[in-house]
Amino acid sequence: MNALFRLKQPVDRLLETTLVGLFFALFACVIIQVFTRYVLNDPSIFTEETSRFAIIWLSLLGTAYACGRLEHMAYTMFPEKLQGDKLLSHMRSVAVIVLLFAATVMCFGGGRLVLRALQFNQRSATLALPMGYVYLCIPISGLLTVFYQLLILMKPKQFRPVDEVELALEHVAEEERKLAASTEDKP
C-alpha cells in the first residue's frame, strides 16, 4: 500500500512534464500554422492534425491529473457541508464511481479501440500515423485515473482539493517573509 503512495509523486511529476510538453507542442503548432498561413500564404499541412492530436492527449491526460488532485469535479456545495466520516464516505463513493468508469470505459473499452485501430491499420489522413497510437491516450488516462482513485480509496484523508486562493495567500505571505528578511539584513 505504501509503495503506491511512493509512486504518486514520480507519477505526478511525469504527468506534469508530459502535459507541459504537450501544451508547448500545441502552442508551436498554432504559431507555425498562423505564420505559414498569413505570412507565407502557404498553410502548413501537418499542424492542424498535430494540434488536434495534442489536444486529445492533453485533455485526457489532464483529466487523469485532475483526478489525482481532486479537481475533477466542479461541484463544491455538497462536499463542503460534510465533515469527518461523512466526508470520507462521500470521497470513497465518488472514487468508486470514477474508478469503475475509468476501468471499464477507458481501460477496457479504450484498450479494445486501440487494438481494433491497430488491427485494421487505421491511419490519420495527413500524417499517416497509426490511429491506435492516438487512441492510446484513452487507456493510459484510464490507468492513471484508476491509480489515483485507488490511492483515494486507501487513504482519503491524504487528499484534499487544492484551494487556489489559499495557495496564493501562502505564496504572498512567503514573499513578504523573504522581503522582510532581506531588509533586516541590509545595514
C-alpha atoms as a PDB file:
ATOM      1  CA  MET A   1       0.000   0.000   0.000  1.00  0.00           C
ATOM      2  CA  ASN A   2       2.772   2.454   0.853  1.00  0.00           C
ATOM      3  CA  ALA A   3       4.508   1.512  -2.403  1.00  0.00           C
ATOM      4  CA  LEU A   4       1.584   3.019  -4.308  1.00  0.00           C
ATOM      5  CA  PHE A   5       1.887   6.243  -2.332  1.00  0.00           C
ATOM      6  CA  ARG A   6       5.639   6.371  -3.010  1.00  0.00           C
ATOM      7  CA  LEU A   7       4.798   6.176  -6.725  1.00  0.00           C
ATOM      8  CA  LYS A   8       2.404   9.123  -6.590  1.00  0.00           C
ATOM      9  CA  GLN A   9       4.976  11.917  -6.646  1.00  0.00           C
ATOM     10  CA  PRO A  10       7.035  10.499  -9.570  1.00  0.00           C
ATOM     11  CA  VAL A  11       3.819   9.794 -11.497  1.00  0.00           C
ATOM     12  CA  ASP A  12       2.631  13.343 -10.805  1.00  0.00           C
ATOM     13  CA  ARG A  13       5.939  14.825 -11.995  1.00  0.00           C
ATOM     14  CA  LEU A  14       5.988  12.687 -15.151  1.00  0.00           C
ATOM     15  CA  LEU A  15       2.396  13.630 -15.903  1.00  0.00           C
ATOM     16  CA  GLU A  16       3.067  17.335 -15.271  1.00  0.00           C
ATOM     17  CA  THR A  17       6.098  17.257 -17.574  1.00  0.00           C
ATOM     18  CA  THR A  18       4.140  15.441 -20.273  1.00  0.00           C
ATOM     19  CA  LEU A  19       1.263  17.919 -20.033  1.00  0.00           C
ATOM     20  CA  VAL A  20       3.611  20.900 -20.285  1.00  0.00           C
ATOM     21  CA  GLY A  21       5.338  19.308 -23.293  1.00  0.00           C
ATOM     22  CA  LEU A  22       2.005  18.661 -24.999  1.00  0.00           C
ATOM     23  CA  PHE A  23       0.909  22.214 -24.325  1.00  0.00           C
ATOM     24  CA  PHE A  24       4.076  23.622 -25.888  1.00  0.00           C
ATOM     25  CA  ALA A  25       3.691  21.291 -28.888  1.00  0.00           C
ATOM     26  CA  LEU A  26       0.151  22.588 -29.318  1.00  0.00           C
ATOM     27  CA  PHE A  27       1.363  26.177 -28.939  1.00  0.00           C
ATOM     28  CA  ALA A  28       4.125  25.634 -31.522  1.00  0.00           C
ATOM     29  CA  CYS A  29       1.690  24.084 -33.995  1.00  0.00           C
ATOM     30  CA  VAL A  30      -0.674  27.030 -33.719  1.00  0.00           C
ATOM     31  CA  ILE A  31       2.167  29.556 -34.155  1.00  0.00           C
ATOM     32  CA  ILE A  32       3.519  27.660 -37.173  1.00  0.00           C
ATOM     33  CA  GLN A  33       0.039  27.441 -38.690  1.00  0.00           C
ATOM     34  CA  VAL A  34      -0.639  31.171 -38.255  1.00  0.00           C
ATOM     35  CA  PHE A  35       2.806  32.092 -39.604  1.00  0.00           C
ATOM     36  CA  THR A  36       2.597  29.851 -42.669  1.00  0.00           C
ATOM     37  CA  ARG A  37      -0.997  30.825 -43.422  1.00  0.00           C
ATOM     38  CA  TYR A  38      -0.801  34.601 -43.034  1.00  0.00           C
ATOM     39  CA  VAL A  39       2.863  35.436 -43.597  1.00  0.00           C
ATOM     40  CA  LEU A  40       3.873  32.867 -46.213  1.00  0.00           C
ATOM     41  CA  ASN A  41       0.390  32.446 -47.743  1.00  0.00           C
ATOM     42  CA  ASP A  42       1.092  28.702 -47.852  1.00  0.00           C
ATOM     43  CA  PRO A  43      -0.557  26.966 -44.870  1.00  0.00           C
ATOM     44  CA  SER A  44       1.323  24.104 -43.288  1.00  0.00           C
ATOM     45  CA  ILE A  45      -0.347  20.747 -43.796  1.00  0.00           C
ATOM     46  CA  PHE A  46       0.688  18.867 -40.672  1.00  0.00           C
ATOM     47  CA  THR A  47      -0.056  21.420 -37.957  1.00  0.00           C
ATOM     48  CA  GLU A  48      -3.842  21.084 -37.880  1.00  0.00           C
ATOM     49  CA  GLU A  49      -3.754  17.336 -37.353  1.00  0.00           C
ATOM     50  CA  THR A  50      -0.838  17.514 -34.922  1.00  0.00           C
ATOM     51  CA  SER A  51      -2.600  20.147 -32.833  1.00  0.00           C
ATOM     52  CA  ARG A  52      -5.800  18.075 -32.835  1.00  0.00           C
ATOM     53  CA  PHE A  53      -3.920  15.037 -31.526  1.00  0.00           C
ATOM     54  CA  ALA A  54      -2.120  17.180 -28.933  1.00  0.00           C
ATOM     55  CA  ILE A  55      -5.461  18.496 -27.682  1.00  0.00           C
ATOM     56  CA  ILE A  56      -6.816  14.955 -27.381  1.00  0.00           C
ATOM     57  CA  TRP A  57      -3.819  13.759 -25.378  1.00  0.00           C
ATOM     58  CA  LEU A  58      -3.695  16.967 -23.324  1.00  0.00           C
ATOM     59  CA  SER A  59      -7.349  16.793 -22.328  1.00  0.00           C
ATOM     60  CA  LEU A  60      -7.377  13.101 -21.407  1.00  0.00           C
ATOM     61  CA  LEU A  61      -4.088  13.112 -19.515  1.00  0.00           C
ATOM     62  CA  GLY A  62      -5.111  16.398 -17.897  1.00  0.00           C
ATOM     63  CA  THR A  63      -8.313  14.740 -16.710  1.00  0.00           C
ATOM     64  CA  ALA A  64      -6.323  11.945 -15.082  1.00  0.00           C
ATOM     65  CA  TYR A  65      -4.039  14.509 -13.447  1.00  0.00           C
ATOM     66  CA  ALA A  66      -7.044  16.444 -12.159  1.00  0.00           C
ATOM     67  CA  CYS A  67      -8.431  13.241 -10.640  1.00  0.00           C
ATOM     68  CA  GLY A  68      -5.216  12.841  -8.671  1.00  0.00           C
ATOM     69  CA  ARG A  69      -5.611  16.346  -7.258  1.00  0.00           C
ATOM     70  CA  LEU A  70      -9.352  16.071  -6.503  1.00  0.00           C
ATOM     71  CA  GLU A  71     -10.037  18.786  -9.044  1.00  0.00           C
ATOM     72  CA  HIS A  72     -12.043  16.589 -11.357  1.00  0.00           C
ATOM     73  CA  MET A  73     -15.418  17.699 -10.052  1.00  0.00           C
ATOM     74  CA  ALA A  74     -16.849  21.154 -10.347  1.00  0.00           C
ATOM     75  CA  TYR A  75     -19.413  20.867  -7.579  1.00  0.00           C
ATOM     76  CA  THR A  76     -18.332  22.014  -4.145  1.00  0.00           C
ATOM     77  CA  MET A  77     -21.541  22.770  -2.285  1.00  0.00           C
ATOM     78  CA  PHE A  78     -22.244  19.205  -1.143  1.00  0.00           C
ATOM     79  CA  PRO A  79     -18.711  18.175  -0.040  1.00  0.00           C
ATOM     80  CA  GLU A  80     -18.196  21.495   1.776  1.00  0.00           C
ATOM     81  CA  LYS A  81     -21.183  20.707   4.015  1.00  0.00           C
ATOM     82  CA  LEU A  82     -19.768  17.317   5.002  1.00  0.00           C
ATOM     83  CA  GLN A  83     -17.171  16.717   7.687  1.00  0.00           C
ATOM     84  CA  GLY A  84     -15.386  13.802   9.293  1.00  0.00           C
ATOM     85  CA  ASP A  85     -16.519  10.303   8.426  1.00  0.00           C
ATOM     86  CA  LYS A  86     -19.334  11.530   6.189  1.00  0.00           C
ATOM     87  CA  LEU A  87     -16.852  13.419   4.005  1.00  0.00           C
ATOM     88  CA  LEU A  88     -14.559  10.374   3.820  1.00  0.00           C
ATOM     89  CA  SER A  89     -17.524   8.174   2.863  1.00  0.00           C
ATOM     90  CA  HIS A  90     -18.504  10.656   0.179  1.00  0.00           C
ATOM     91  CA  MET A  91     -14.936  10.757  -1.162  1.00  0.00           C
ATOM     92  CA  ARG A  92     -14.788   6.968  -1.256  1.00  0.00           C
ATOM     93  CA  SER A  93     -18.142   6.624  -3.019  1.00  0.00           C
ATOM     94  CA  VAL A  94     -17.133   9.155  -5.681  1.00  0.00           C
ATOM     95  CA  ALA A  95     -13.764   7.404  -6.048  1.00  0.00           C
ATOM     96  CA  VAL A  96     -15.524   4.047  -6.607  1.00  0.00           C
ATOM     97  CA  ILE A  97     -17.760   5.533  -9.304  1.00  0.00           C
ATOM     98  CA  VAL A  98     -14.845   7.216 -11.078  1.00  0.00           C
ATOM     99  CA  LEU A  99     -12.719   4.057 -10.730  1.00  0.00           C
ATOM    100  CA  LEU A 100     -15.432   1.854 -12.245  1.00  0.00           C
ATOM    101  CA  PHE A 101     -15.902   4.247 -15.148  1.00  0.00           C
ATOM    102  CA  ALA A 102     -12.159   4.517 -15.785  1.00  0.00           C
ATOM    103  CA  ALA A 103     -11.601   0.766 -15.553  1.00  0.00           C
ATOM    104  CA  THR A 104     -14.498  -0.270 -17.781  1.00  0.00           C
ATOM    105  CA  VAL A 105     -14.891   2.511 -20.309  1.00  0.00           C
ATOM    106  CA  MET A 106     -11.400   3.942 -20.537  1.00  0.00           C
ATOM    107  CA  CYS A 107      -9.127   0.955 -19.839  1.00  0.00           C
ATOM    108  CA  PHE A 108     -11.209  -1.893 -21.243  1.00  0.00           C
ATOM    109  CA  GLY A 109     -13.113  -0.018 -23.956  1.00  0.00           C
ATOM    110  CA  GLY A 110     -10.182   2.222 -24.848  1.00  0.00           C
ATOM    111  CA  GLY A 111      -7.859  -0.773 -24.987  1.00  0.00           C
ATOM    112  CA  ARG A 112     -10.215  -2.537 -27.382  1.00  0.00           C
ATOM    113  CA  LEU A 113     -10.387   0.600 -29.531  1.00  0.00           C
ATOM    114  CA  VAL A 114      -6.589   0.777 -29.701  1.00  0.00           C
ATOM    115  CA  LEU A 115      -6.313  -2.890 -30.670  1.00  0.00           C
ATOM    116  CA  ARG A 116      -9.042  -2.552 -33.283  1.00  0.00           C
ATOM    117  CA  ALA A 117      -7.438   0.528 -34.843  1.00  0.00           C
ATOM    118  CA  LEU A 118      -4.043  -1.185 -34.956  1.00  0.00           C
ATOM    119  CA  GLN A 119      -5.566  -4.417 -36.272  1.00  0.00           C
ATOM    120  CA  PHE A 120      -7.228  -2.652 -39.193  1.00  0.00           C
ATOM    121  CA  ASN A 121      -4.193  -0.417 -39.739  1.00  0.00           C
ATOM    122  CA  GLN A 122      -6.283   2.742 -39.442  1.00  0.00           C
ATOM    123  CA  ARG A 123      -4.121   5.784 -40.208  1.00  0.00           C
ATOM    124  CA  SER A 124      -4.540   9.525 -39.869  1.00  0.00           C
ATOM    125  CA  ALA A 125      -5.211  11.482 -43.052  1.00  0.00           C
ATOM    126  CA  THR A 126      -2.255  13.859 -43.153  1.00  0.00           C
ATOM    127  CA  LEU A 127       0.487  12.333 -41.024  1.00  0.00           C
ATOM    128  CA  ALA A 128      -0.353   8.686 -41.857  1.00  0.00           C
ATOM    129  CA  LEU A 129       0.138   7.987 -38.165  1.00  0.00           C
ATOM    130  CA  PRO A 130      -1.484   4.777 -36.885  1.00  0.00           C
ATOM    131  CA  MET A 131      -4.633   5.919 -35.096  1.00  0.00           C
ATOM    132  CA  GLY A 132      -4.079   3.272 -32.444  1.00  0.00           C
ATOM    133  CA  TYR A 133      -1.248   5.466 -31.138  1.00  0.00           C
ATOM    134  CA  VAL A 134      -3.573   8.444 -30.957  1.00  0.00           C
ATOM    135  CA  TYR A 135      -6.251   6.390 -29.178  1.00  0.00           C
ATOM    136  CA  LEU A 136      -3.639   5.022 -26.752  1.00  0.00           C
ATOM    137  CA  CYS A 137      -4.184   8.070 -24.551  1.00  0.00           C
ATOM    138  CA  ILE A 138      -7.604   6.662 -23.557  1.00  0.00           C
ATOM    139  CA  PRO A 139      -6.377   3.521 -21.738  1.00  0.00           C
ATOM    140  CA  ILE A 140      -3.291   5.338 -20.416  1.00  0.00           C
ATOM    141  CA  SER A 141      -5.504   8.041 -18.933  1.00  0.00           C
ATOM    142  CA  GLY A 142      -7.809   5.326 -17.593  1.00  0.00           C
ATOM    143  CA  LEU A 143      -4.936   3.523 -15.874  1.00  0.00           C
ATOM    144  CA  LEU A 144      -3.718   6.758 -14.308  1.00  0.00           C
ATOM    145  CA  THR A 145      -7.234   7.559 -13.118  1.00  0.00           C
ATOM    146  CA  VAL A 146      -7.590   4.074 -11.618  1.00  0.00           C
ATOM    147  CA  PHE A 147      -4.230   4.545  -9.882  1.00  0.00           C
ATOM    148  CA  TYR A 148      -5.308   7.843  -8.324  1.00  0.00           C
ATOM    149  CA  GLN A 149      -8.727   6.517  -7.304  1.00  0.00           C
ATOM    150  CA  LEU A 150      -7.135   3.515  -5.573  1.00  0.00           C
ATOM    151  CA  LEU A 151      -4.988   5.930  -3.580  1.00  0.00           C
ATOM    152  CA  ILE A 152      -8.066   7.947  -2.618  1.00  0.00           C
ATOM    153  CA  LEU A 153      -9.900   4.770  -1.572  1.00  0.00           C
ATOM    154  CA  MET A 154      -6.983   3.643   0.596  1.00  0.00           C
ATOM    155  CA  LYS A 155      -6.235   6.952   2.335  1.00  0.00           C
ATOM    156  CA  PRO A 156      -8.820   9.641   1.582  1.00  0.00           C
ATOM    157  CA  LYS A 157      -7.520  11.820   4.448  1.00  0.00           C
ATOM    158  CA  GLN A 158      -4.322  12.462   2.474  1.00  0.00           C
ATOM    159  CA  PHE A 159      -6.300  14.098  -0.323  1.00  0.00           C
ATOM    160  CA  ARG A 160      -7.962  17.446  -0.321  1.00  0.00           C
ATOM    161  CA  PRO A 161      -8.828  19.743  -3.190  1.00  0.00           C
ATOM    162  CA  VAL A 162      -6.313  22.474  -3.908  1.00  0.00           C
ATOM    163  CA  ASP A 163      -7.607  25.854  -2.832  1.00  0.00           C
ATOM    164  CA  GLU A 164      -6.020  28.320  -5.255  1.00  0.00           C
ATOM    165  CA  VAL A 165      -6.846  31.320  -3.056  1.00  0.00           C
ATOM    166  CA  GLU A 166      -5.239  29.685  -0.015  1.00  0.00           C
ATOM    167  CA  LEU A 167      -2.220  28.718  -2.116  1.00  0.00           C
ATOM    168  CA  ALA A 168      -1.863  32.288  -3.432  1.00  0.00           C
ATOM    169  CA  LEU A 169      -2.136  33.743   0.087  1.00  0.00           C
ATOM    170  CA  GLU A 170       0.560  31.349   1.308  1.00  0.00           C
ATOM    171  CA  HIS A 171       2.766  32.423  -1.595  1.00  0.00           C
ATOM    172  CA  VAL A 172       2.216  36.118  -0.811  1.00  0.00           C
ATOM    173  CA  ALA A 173       2.994  35.510   2.879  1.00  0.00           C
ATOM    174  CA  GLU A 174       6.201  33.654   1.927  1.00  0.00           C
ATOM    175  CA  GLU A 175       7.270  36.515  -0.359  1.00  0.00           C
ATOM    176  CA  GLU A 176       6.582  39.036   2.426  1.00  0.00           C
ATOM    177  CA  ARG A 177       8.715  36.976   4.840  1.00  0.00           C
ATOM    178  CA  LYS A 178      11.568  36.907   2.315  1.00  0.00           C
ATOM    179  CA  LEU A 179      11.294  40.630   1.729  1.00  0.00           C
ATOM    180  CA  ALA A 180      11.266  41.356   5.476  1.00  0.00           C
ATOM    181  CA  ALA A 181      14.277  39.086   5.998  1.00  0.00           C
ATOM    182  CA  SER A 182      16.226  40.766   3.197  1.00  0.00           C
ATOM    183  CA  THR A 183      15.504  44.282   4.509  1.00  0.00           C
ATOM    184  CA  GLU A 184      16.641  43.272   8.011  1.00  0.00           C
ATOM    185  CA  ASP A 185      19.968  42.019   6.637  1.00  0.00           C
ATOM    186  CA  LYS A 186      20.774  45.351   4.979  1.00  0.00           C
ATOM    187  CA  PRO A 187      22.613  47.963   7.120  1.00  0.00           C
END
